[in-house]
Amino acid sequence: MSLITDFMVTIRVPRVDLEALRNLRKGRLNDMAASHFWERIAEFYRRYPYDEWYPLNKEEMKAYQKDYTDSKPYPWQSSD
């Protein structure tokens, strides 16, 4: 039986849940599939770098800037 894996879809699974499902493991990725998997994961982080203050609103940004004074607000976060 051949299985196809879609590496375009990523989901978060808590480690505790993952460890609880160990007995259901059927096999491992072969070398080529494992290499492809790690490359797909790396592409996600190259395309979407993490900017921790991007999603903050004005009030949250004010509080954030108390600890991180070098952060520059986006237009929707400025207090003007």
C-alpha atoms as a PDB file:
ATOM      1  CA  MET A   1       0.000   0.000   0.000  1.00  0.00           C
ATOM      2  CA  SER A   2       1.329   3.432  -0.942  1.00  0.00           C
ATOM      3  CA  LEU A   3       0.468   6.518   1.089  1.00  0.00           C
ATOM      4  CA  ILE A   4       0.689  10.095  -0.147  1.00  0.00           C
ATOM      5  CA  THR A   5       1.524  12.913   2.249  1.00  0.00           C
ATOM      6  CA  ASP A   6       0.655  16.548   1.602  1.00  0.00           C
ATOM      7  CA  PHE A   7       3.521  18.597   3.036  1.00  0.00           C
ATOM      8  CA  MET A   8       1.685  21.850   2.211  1.00  0.00           C
ATOM      9  CA  VAL A   9      -0.542  21.287   5.255  1.00  0.00           C
ATOM     10  CA  THR A  10       0.958  21.737   8.716  1.00  0.00           C
ATOM     11  CA  ILE A  11      -0.881  21.390  12.007  1.00  0.00           C
ATOM     12  CA  ARG A  12       0.165  21.796  15.611  1.00  0.00           C
ATOM     13  CA  VAL A  13      -0.149  18.762  17.832  1.00  0.00           C
ATOM     14  CA  PRO A  14       0.710  19.043  21.523  1.00  0.00           C
ATOM     15  CA  ARG A  15       3.679  16.825  22.423  1.00  0.00           C
ATOM     16  CA  VAL A  16       1.738  15.034  25.176  1.00  0.00           C
ATOM     17  CA  ASP A  17      -0.927  14.008  22.656  1.00  0.00           C
ATOM     18  CA  LEU A  18       1.715  12.928  20.167  1.00  0.00           C
ATOM     19  CA  GLU A  19       3.478  10.761  22.720  1.00  0.00           C
ATOM     20  CA  ALA A  20       0.162   9.171  23.714  1.00  0.00           C
ATOM     21  CA  LEU A  21      -0.320   8.032  20.097  1.00  0.00           C
ATOM     22  CA  ARG A  22       3.080   6.314  19.801  1.00  0.00           C
ATOM     23  CA  ASN A  23       1.523   2.855  19.780  1.00  0.00           C
ATOM     24  CA  LEU A  24      -0.351   3.768  16.558  1.00  0.00           C
ATOM     25  CA  ARG A  25       2.851   4.559  14.634  1.00  0.00           C
ATOM     26  CA  LYS A  26       3.035   2.431  11.497  1.00  0.00           C
ATOM     27  CA  GLY A  27       6.391   3.461  10.077  1.00  0.00           C
ATOM     28  CA  ARG A  28       8.783   6.258   9.263  1.00  0.00           C
ATOM     29  CA  LEU A  29       9.396   8.477   6.257  1.00  0.00           C
ATOM     30  CA  ASN A  30      12.033   7.198   3.880  1.00  0.00           C
ATOM     31  CA  ASP A  31      15.154   9.339   3.361  1.00  0.00           C
ATOM     32  CA  MET A  32      13.751  11.202   0.348  1.00  0.00           C
ATOM     33  CA  ALA A  33      10.414  11.947   2.047  1.00  0.00           C
ATOM     34  CA  ALA A  34      12.130  13.033   5.269  1.00  0.00           C
ATOM     35  CA  SER A  35      14.372  15.409   3.313  1.00  0.00           C
ATOM     36  CA  HIS A  36      11.334  16.839   1.517  1.00  0.00           C
ATOM     37  CA  PHE A  37       9.461  17.224   4.819  1.00  0.00           C
ATOM     38  CA  TRP A  38      12.270  19.223   6.451  1.00  0.00           C
ATOM     39  CA  GLU A  39      12.625  21.422   3.374  1.00  0.00           C
ATOM     40  CA  ARG A  40       8.875  22.211   3.398  1.00  0.00           C
ATOM     41  CA  ILE A  41       9.038  23.129   7.085  1.00  0.00           C
ATOM     42  CA  ALA A  42      12.056  25.371   6.406  1.00  0.00           C
ATOM     43  CA  GLU A  43      10.171  27.119   3.567  1.00  0.00           C
ATOM     44  CA  PHE A  44       7.409  28.086   5.978  1.00  0.00           C
ATOM     45  CA  TYR A  45       9.871  29.884   8.255  1.00  0.00           C
ATOM     46  CA  ARG A  46      11.708  31.545   5.365  1.00  0.00           C
ATOM     47  CA  ARG A  47       8.473  32.977   3.935  1.00  0.00           C
ATOM     48  CA  TYR A  48       6.840  34.000   7.200  1.00  0.00           C
ATOM     49  CA  PRO A  49       9.419  35.404   9.609  1.00  0.00           C
ATOM     50  CA  TYR A  50       8.022  35.962  13.060  1.00  0.00           C
ATOM     51  CA  ASP A  51       7.338  39.555  14.056  1.00  0.00           C
ATOM     52  CA  GLU A  52       6.015  39.463  17.597  1.00  0.00           C
ATOM     53  CA  TRP A  53       4.481  42.932  17.630  1.00  0.00           C
ATOM     54  CA  TYR A  54       2.767  42.785  14.216  1.00  0.00           C
ATOM     55  CA  PRO A  55      -0.648  41.590  15.508  1.00  0.00           C
ATOM     56  CA  LEU A  56      -0.863  43.998  18.468  1.00  0.00           C
ATOM     57  CA  ASN A  57      -3.461  46.766  18.648  1.00  0.00           C
ATOM     58  CA  LYS A  58      -2.675  50.319  19.879  1.00  0.00           C
ATOM     59  CA  GLU A  59      -3.101  49.578  23.587  1.00  0.00           C
ATOM     60  CA  GLU A  60      -1.115  46.343  23.418  1.00  0.00           C
ATOM     61  CA  MET A  61       1.649  48.083  21.475  1.00  0.00           C
ATOM     62  CA  LYS A  62       1.941  50.794  24.145  1.00  0.00           C
ATOM     63  CA  ALA A  63       2.387  48.127  26.813  1.00  0.00           C
ATOM     64  CA  TYR A  64       4.865  46.224  24.637  1.00  0.00           C
ATOM     65  CA  GLN A  65       6.985  49.333  24.046  1.00  0.00           C
ATOM     66  CA  LYS A  66       7.481  49.779  27.795  1.00  0.00           C
ATOM     67  CA  ASP A  67       9.718  46.702  27.761  1.00  0.00           C
ATOM     68  CA  TYR A  68      10.945  46.887  24.161  1.00  0.00           C
ATOM     69  CA  THR A  69      11.634  50.533  23.411  1.00  0.00           C
ATOM     70  CA  ASP A  70      13.341  49.818  20.069  1.00  0.00           C
ATOM     71  CA  SER A  71      10.151  48.391  18.507  1.00  0.00           C
ATOM     72  CA  LYS A  72       8.643  50.645  15.854  1.00  0.00           C
ATOM     73  CA  PRO A  73       4.845  50.534  15.553  1.00  0.00           C
ATOM     74  CA  TYR A  74       3.000  49.916  12.319  1.00  0.00           C
ATOM     75  CA  PRO A  75       0.537  52.623  11.164  1.00  0.00           C
ATOM     76  CA  TRP A  76      -2.456  50.930  12.838  1.00  0.00           C
ATOM     77  CA  GLN A  77      -0.546  50.779  16.141  1.00  0.00           C
ATOM     78  CA  SER A  78       0.641  54.354  16.452  1.00  0.00           C
ATOM     79  CA  SER A  79      -0.928  56.465  19.172  1.00  0.00           C
ATOM     80  CA  ASP A  80      -1.276  59.621  17.009  1.00  0.00           C
END
